Protein backbone atom coordinates (compact mmCIF):
# COMPACT_ATOMS: atom_id res chain seq x y z
CA MET A 1 0.00 0.00 0.00
CA LYS A 2 2.92 2.32 0.68
CA PHE A 3 3.99 2.02 -2.96
CA LEU A 4 0.54 3.08 -4.19
CA ASN A 5 0.46 5.97 -1.71
CA HIS A 6 3.86 7.21 -2.86
CA LEU A 7 3.00 6.71 -6.53
CA GLU A 8 -0.19 8.72 -6.07
CA GLU A 9 1.64 11.55 -4.28
CA TRP A 10 4.53 11.51 -6.76
CA LEU A 11 2.16 11.66 -9.73
CA ILE A 12 0.18 14.59 -8.31
CA ALA A 13 3.33 16.53 -7.35
CA SER A 14 5.01 15.84 -10.70
CA LEU A 15 1.97 16.95 -12.68
CA MET A 16 1.66 20.09 -10.56
CA GLY A 17 5.34 20.94 -11.03
CA ALA A 18 5.32 20.19 -14.74
CA ALA A 19 2.16 22.26 -15.32
CA THR A 20 3.76 25.17 -13.48
CA LEU A 21 6.95 24.93 -15.57
CA VAL A 22 5.06 24.62 -18.87
CA THR A 23 2.88 27.61 -18.01
CA PHE A 24 5.90 29.66 -16.90
CA PHE A 25 7.73 28.81 -20.12
CA ALA A 26 4.72 29.76 -22.28
CA VAL A 27 4.24 33.09 -20.48
CA LEU A 28 7.97 33.84 -20.68
CA HIS A 29 7.92 32.98 -24.39
CA ARG A 30 4.95 35.27 -25.02
CA TYR A 31 6.56 38.07 -23.03
CA LEU A 32 9.99 37.82 -24.69
CA SER A 33 8.45 37.60 -28.16
CA GLY A 34 7.18 41.15 -27.75
CA PHE A 35 10.62 42.68 -27.11
CA ASP A 36 12.29 44.28 -30.09
CA ILE A 37 15.64 42.58 -29.40
CA PRO A 38 16.79 41.08 -32.71
CA VAL A 39 18.34 37.82 -31.49
CA VAL A 40 15.85 37.13 -28.69
CA GLN A 41 12.75 38.09 -30.64
CA ASP A 42 13.83 36.10 -33.70
CA ALA A 43 14.49 32.99 -31.59
CA MET A 44 11.19 33.32 -29.74
CA LEU A 45 9.14 33.82 -32.90
CA LYS A 46 10.59 30.61 -34.36
CA MET A 47 9.31 28.62 -31.37
CA ASN A 48 5.78 27.29 -31.38
CA THR A 49 4.24 27.06 -27.91
CA SER A 50 0.63 26.61 -28.98
CA TRP A 51 0.70 23.17 -27.33
CA ALA A 52 1.45 24.55 -23.84
CA GLN A 53 -2.10 25.48 -22.88
CA GLU A 54 -3.53 22.16 -24.05
CA LEU A 55 -0.85 20.19 -22.20
CA THR A 56 -1.44 22.18 -19.01
CA ILE A 57 -5.18 21.54 -19.18
CA TYR A 58 -4.62 17.80 -19.61
CA MET A 59 -2.16 17.72 -16.73
CA PHE A 60 -4.68 19.50 -14.49
CA VAL A 61 -7.37 16.97 -15.45
CA TRP A 62 -5.11 14.08 -14.45
CA MET A 63 -4.03 15.93 -11.32
CA ALA A 64 -7.66 16.52 -10.29
CA LYS A 65 -8.70 12.90 -10.79
CA PHE A 66 -5.80 11.49 -8.77
CA GLY A 67 -6.00 14.36 -6.29
CA ALA A 68 -9.61 13.41 -5.54
CA ALA A 69 -8.50 9.88 -4.63
CA TYR A 70 -5.74 11.35 -2.46
CA GLY A 71 -8.37 13.50 -0.77
CA VAL A 72 -10.45 10.46 0.15
CA ARG A 73 -7.41 8.65 1.54
CA THR A 74 -6.22 11.57 3.67
CA GLY A 75 -9.58 13.00 4.71
CA ILE A 76 -9.14 16.43 3.13
CA HIS A 77 -12.46 16.46 1.26
CA VAL A 78 -15.00 18.87 2.65
CA GLY A 79 -17.86 17.08 4.35
CA VAL A 80 -21.03 18.36 5.93
CA ASP A 81 -21.51 16.17 8.97
CA VAL A 82 -23.45 18.40 11.34
CA LEU A 83 -26.56 16.19 11.26
CA ILE A 84 -24.58 12.94 11.22
CA ASN A 85 -22.69 13.94 14.36
CA LYS A 86 -25.97 14.58 16.22
CA LEU A 87 -27.03 10.95 15.77
CA SER A 88 -26.30 8.18 18.25
CA PRO A 89 -22.90 6.54 17.69
CA THR A 90 -24.50 3.42 16.19
CA ARG A 91 -26.66 5.38 13.72
CA ARG A 92 -23.74 7.72 12.93
CA ASN A 93 -21.52 4.76 12.08
CA GLN A 94 -24.22 3.27 9.86
CA PHE A 95 -24.59 6.52 7.94
CA VAL A 96 -20.82 6.93 7.59
CA ILE A 97 -20.54 3.41 6.16
CA LEU A 98 -23.50 4.08 3.86
CA GLY A 99 -21.88 7.29 2.63
CA LEU A 100 -18.53 5.61 2.00
CA LEU A 101 -20.14 2.72 0.15
CA ALA A 102 -22.25 5.18 -1.90
CA GLY A 103 -19.04 7.01 -2.82
CA ALA A 104 -17.42 3.72 -3.83
CA LEU A 105 -20.45 2.74 -5.90
CA PHE A 106 -20.62 6.10 -7.66
CA THR A 107 -16.91 6.24 -8.48
CA GLY A 108 -16.99 2.58 -9.57
CA ILE A 109 -19.83 3.39 -12.00
CA VAL A 110 -17.99 6.47 -13.29
CA GLY A 111 -14.83 4.36 -13.73
CA THR A 112 -16.72 1.68 -15.64
CA LEU A 113 -18.49 4.18 -17.90
CA GLY A 114 -15.21 6.03 -18.38
CA GLY A 115 -13.45 2.79 -19.28
CA SER A 116 -16.14 2.02 -21.83
CA PHE A 117 -15.75 5.50 -23.30
CA VAL A 118 -11.96 5.15 -23.48
CA TRP A 119 -12.34 1.76 -25.17
CA GLU A 120 -14.64 3.25 -27.80
CA ILE A 121 -12.51 6.32 -28.46
CA ALA A 122 -9.34 4.20 -28.64
CA HIS A 123 -10.77 2.61 -31.77
CA THR A 124 -10.96 5.96 -33.55
CA ASP A 125 -8.27 8.19 -34.99
CA GLN A 126 -9.24 11.13 -32.80
CA THR A 127 -6.25 13.17 -31.66
CA SER A 128 -5.86 16.36 -29.65
CA ALA A 129 -5.71 19.63 -31.54
CA ASP A 130 -2.23 20.89 -30.65
CA LEU A 131 -0.34 17.95 -29.18
CA GLU A 132 -1.77 15.49 -31.71
CA ILE A 133 -1.79 12.68 -29.15
CA PRO A 134 -4.55 10.06 -29.16
CA MET A 135 -7.49 11.38 -27.16
CA TRP A 136 -7.89 8.10 -25.34
CA TRP A 137 -4.64 8.90 -23.51
CA VAL A 138 -6.26 12.05 -22.16
CA TYR A 139 -9.55 10.38 -21.23
CA LEU A 140 -7.77 7.46 -19.54
CA ALA A 141 -7.62 9.70 -16.46
CA ILE A 142 -11.35 9.12 -15.94
CA PRO A 143 -11.36 5.34 -15.38
CA LEU A 144 -7.95 5.24 -13.67
CA GLY A 145 -8.70 8.10 -11.29
CA SER A 146 -12.25 6.92 -10.61
CA TYR A 147 -11.22 3.34 -9.89
CA LEU A 148 -8.46 4.59 -7.59
CA MET A 149 -11.00 6.78 -5.81
CA CYS A 150 -13.39 3.80 -5.54
CA PHE A 151 -10.57 1.76 -4.02
CA ARG A 152 -9.82 4.57 -1.55
CA PHE A 153 -13.49 4.75 -0.49
CA LEU A 154 -13.49 1.00 0.14
CA GLN A 155 -10.16 1.26 1.97
CA VAL A 156 -11.45 4.03 4.25
CA CYS A 157 -14.69 2.10 4.80
CA TRP A 158 -12.82 -1.07 5.77
CA THR A 159 -10.58 0.86 8.17
CA PHE A 160 -13.63 2.58 9.67
CA ILE A 161 -15.41 -0.74 10.21
CA LYS A 162 -12.32 -2.22 11.89
CA THR A 163 -11.22 0.78 13.98
CA GLY A 164 -14.04 3.33 13.98
CA GLU A 165 -11.54 5.93 12.72
CA LEU A 166 -11.89 8.14 9.66
CA PRO A 167 -8.90 9.85 8.09
CA LYS A 168 -8.64 13.36 9.49
CA HIS A 169 -6.52 16.13 8.09
CA ASP A 170 -4.97 18.43 10.66
CA HIS A 171 -4.55 21.83 9.00
CA ALA A 172 -2.13 22.95 11.69
CA HIS A 173 0.29 20.06 11.12
CA VAL A 174 3.12 20.44 8.62
CA GLU A 175 4.70 17.12 7.69
CA GLY A 176 8.43 17.05 8.25
CA LEU A 177 8.38 19.71 10.95
CA GLU A 178 8.43 18.45 14.50
CA GLU A 179 7.39 20.56 17.44
CA GLU A 180 10.12 21.56 19.88
CA VAL A 181 9.83 19.82 23.18
CA LYS A 182 10.26 22.33 25.99
CA ALA A 183 12.00 20.98 29.06
C-alpha cells in the first residue's frame, strides 16, 4: 500500500510541477516575443508554444482525478456532517458506512463508464488539436482516477469498520516539521 500511496503523491506533485513549468515557459515565451531585441525576438518567434495550454489543461485533469482519490485517503475532502454527528454513535456509524459505500459505488460506476468511453474512443483516430496525441490517452484519467477513488473509499470504509476511525486532516500540522519539546 505504501507504494501506491507514494505513486499517487509523486504523480500529483510531478503533474503540478510540470504544469507550473510549462505555463511559466509559455508566459515567458509570449513576453519575450514582444521585445524588439533582434536575437531574442527572432528565436522566440521561431518557437511554437501553442501546445502549452492544451498540455497544461490535460495535466490538471489528471491531477484533479488522482488528487480526488488522495483526498479520500487523507480525509481532506469537505464534508457536511453536522446532522450525522448529532445521531447516536451506532446510527452515525451506519450513515458513515452508507456514505462511503455510496461514494465507492458512484466512483466505480464512473470508472466503468469512463473505461467504456476510453475503449470506444481508442478505436478511432481522434487526436488532440495541438499535441496530436490520441485522445484516449487524455480520457484514460477518468477510469484510472475513478477506480483509484473507488478503491480509496473502500479502503477508508474497511478501516472505519475495523477501527471506527476516519482519516482526518490536521490543518495545523506540517509534515516534516516536529514541534520543539520544551524541558
